[in-house]
């Protein structure tokens, strides 16, 4: 197990960076999409 730790640590860091960057990219799409959906639902509801 000790032999794997040096390899796993950088991979985990890269994975976290990828997840974080994808989460940020997703948030940029999700927020406007939710606002648009809210406007559409509001228009249809009224």
N, C-alpha and C. Protein backbone atom coordinates (compact mmCIF):
# COMPACT_ATOMS: atom_id res chain seq x y z
N UNK A 1 0.84 -1.21 0.00
CA UNK A 1 0.00 0.00 0.00
C UNK A 1 0.86 1.25 0.00
N UNK A 2 2.02 1.17 0.67
CA UNK A 2 2.89 2.35 0.74
C UNK A 2 3.43 2.73 -0.63
N UNK A 3 3.58 1.73 -1.52
CA UNK A 3 4.10 2.02 -2.86
C UNK A 3 3.11 2.80 -3.71
N UNK A 4 1.83 2.64 -3.43
CA UNK A 4 0.80 3.29 -4.24
C UNK A 4 0.55 4.74 -3.83
N UNK A 5 0.85 5.07 -2.61
CA UNK A 5 0.52 6.42 -2.11
C UNK A 5 1.12 7.55 -2.96
N UNK A 6 2.41 7.49 -3.34
CA UNK A 6 2.95 8.59 -4.15
C UNK A 6 2.24 8.74 -5.49
N UNK A 7 1.72 7.63 -6.02
CA UNK A 7 1.03 7.69 -7.31
C UNK A 7 -0.40 8.20 -7.13
N UNK A 8 -1.07 7.76 -6.08
CA UNK A 8 -2.46 8.12 -5.87
C UNK A 8 -2.63 9.60 -5.51
N UNK A 9 -1.70 10.16 -4.77
CA UNK A 9 -1.85 11.54 -4.31
C UNK A 9 -1.97 12.54 -5.49
N UNK A 10 -1.04 12.51 -6.46
CA UNK A 10 -1.18 13.45 -7.59
C UNK A 10 -2.42 13.18 -8.41
N UNK A 11 -2.77 11.90 -8.59
CA UNK A 11 -3.96 11.56 -9.37
C UNK A 11 -5.21 12.12 -8.68
N UNK A 12 -5.26 11.99 -7.37
CA UNK A 12 -6.41 12.50 -6.62
C UNK A 12 -6.49 14.02 -6.77
N UNK A 13 -5.35 14.68 -6.73
CA UNK A 13 -5.31 16.14 -6.86
C UNK A 13 -5.79 16.56 -8.24
N UNK A 14 -5.33 15.84 -9.27
CA UNK A 14 -5.77 16.15 -10.64
C UNK A 14 -7.26 15.90 -10.78
N UNK A 15 -7.73 14.80 -10.18
CA UNK A 15 -9.14 14.46 -10.27
C UNK A 15 -9.98 15.56 -9.61
N UNK A 16 -9.54 16.04 -8.46
CA UNK A 16 -10.27 17.10 -7.76
C UNK A 16 -10.29 18.36 -8.60
N UNK A 17 -9.17 18.67 -9.26
CA UNK A 17 -9.12 19.87 -10.10
C UNK A 17 -10.08 19.73 -11.28
N UNK A 18 -10.11 18.53 -11.88
CA UNK A 18 -11.01 18.30 -13.01
C UNK A 18 -12.47 18.44 -12.58
N UNK A 19 -12.79 17.84 -11.43
CA UNK A 19 -14.16 17.91 -10.92
C UNK A 19 -14.52 19.35 -10.61
N UNK A 20 -13.57 20.06 -10.01
CA UNK A 20 -13.84 21.46 -9.64
C UNK A 20 -14.06 22.32 -10.88
N UNK A 21 -13.20 22.13 -11.89
CA UNK A 21 -13.34 22.93 -13.12
C UNK A 21 -14.63 22.58 -13.84
N UNK A 22 -15.01 21.29 -13.82
CA UNK A 22 -16.26 20.90 -14.47
C UNK A 22 -17.45 21.43 -13.70
N UNK A 23 -17.34 21.47 -12.37
CA UNK A 23 -18.43 22.00 -11.54
C UNK A 23 -18.62 23.48 -11.84
N UNK A 24 -17.50 24.20 -12.00
CA UNK A 24 -17.59 25.63 -12.31
C UNK A 24 -18.21 25.83 -13.69
N UNK A 25 -17.77 25.03 -14.65
CA UNK A 25 -18.31 25.13 -16.01
C UNK A 25 -19.80 24.78 -16.01
N UNK A 26 -20.16 23.77 -15.25
CA UNK A 26 -21.57 23.36 -15.17
C UNK A 26 -22.39 24.47 -14.53
N UNK A 27 -21.84 25.11 -13.49
CA UNK A 27 -22.58 26.16 -12.78
C UNK A 27 -22.86 27.33 -13.74
N UNK A 28 -21.92 27.60 -14.65
CA UNK A 28 -22.12 28.70 -15.60
C UNK A 28 -23.28 28.41 -16.54
N UNK A 29 -23.53 27.12 -16.79
CA UNK A 29 -24.65 26.74 -17.67
C UNK A 29 -25.93 26.57 -16.86
N UNK A 30 -25.81 25.98 -15.67
CA UNK A 30 -26.99 25.63 -14.87
C UNK A 30 -27.72 26.87 -14.37
N UNK A 31 -26.97 27.86 -13.92
CA UNK A 31 -27.61 29.06 -13.35
C UNK A 31 -28.49 29.78 -14.38
N UNK A 32 -27.97 30.10 -15.56
CA UNK A 32 -28.85 30.74 -16.56
C UNK A 32 -29.98 29.83 -17.00
N UNK A 33 -29.70 28.51 -17.10
CA UNK A 33 -30.74 27.55 -17.51
C UNK A 33 -31.87 27.54 -16.48
N UNK A 34 -31.51 27.58 -15.20
CA UNK A 34 -32.54 27.58 -14.15
C UNK A 34 -33.35 28.89 -14.21
N UNK A 35 -32.68 30.00 -14.46
CA UNK A 35 -33.38 31.28 -14.55
C UNK A 35 -34.35 31.27 -15.74
N UNK A 36 -33.87 30.74 -16.87
CA UNK A 36 -34.74 30.66 -18.05
C UNK A 36 -35.92 29.75 -17.78
N UNK A 37 -35.66 28.61 -17.14
CA UNK A 37 -36.73 27.66 -16.82
C UNK A 37 -37.75 28.33 -15.91
N UNK A 38 -37.26 29.10 -14.94
CA UNK A 38 -38.16 29.79 -14.02
C UNK A 38 -39.03 30.79 -14.75
N UNK A 39 -38.44 31.50 -15.71
CA UNK A 39 -39.22 32.47 -16.49
C UNK A 39 -40.27 31.77 -17.33
N UNK A 40 -39.90 30.66 -17.95
CA UNK A 40 -40.84 29.90 -18.80
C UNK A 40 -41.97 29.35 -17.95
N UNK A 41 -41.62 28.74 -16.81
CA UNK A 41 -42.64 28.17 -15.93
C UNK A 41 -43.57 29.28 -15.42
N UNK A 42 -42.98 30.43 -15.09
CA UNK A 42 -43.79 31.55 -14.62
C UNK A 42 -44.73 32.06 -15.70
N UNK A 43 -44.22 32.13 -16.94
CA UNK A 43 -45.06 32.61 -18.05
C UNK A 43 -46.18 31.63 -18.33
N UNK A 44 -45.87 30.34 -18.29
CA UNK A 44 -46.89 29.32 -18.57
C UNK A 44 -47.90 29.26 -17.43
N UNK A 45 -47.40 29.40 -16.20
CA UNK A 45 -48.28 29.32 -15.04
C UNK A 45 -49.28 30.47 -15.01
N UNK A 46 -48.83 31.64 -15.47
CA UNK A 46 -49.72 32.78 -15.46
C UNK A 46 -50.54 32.80 -16.75
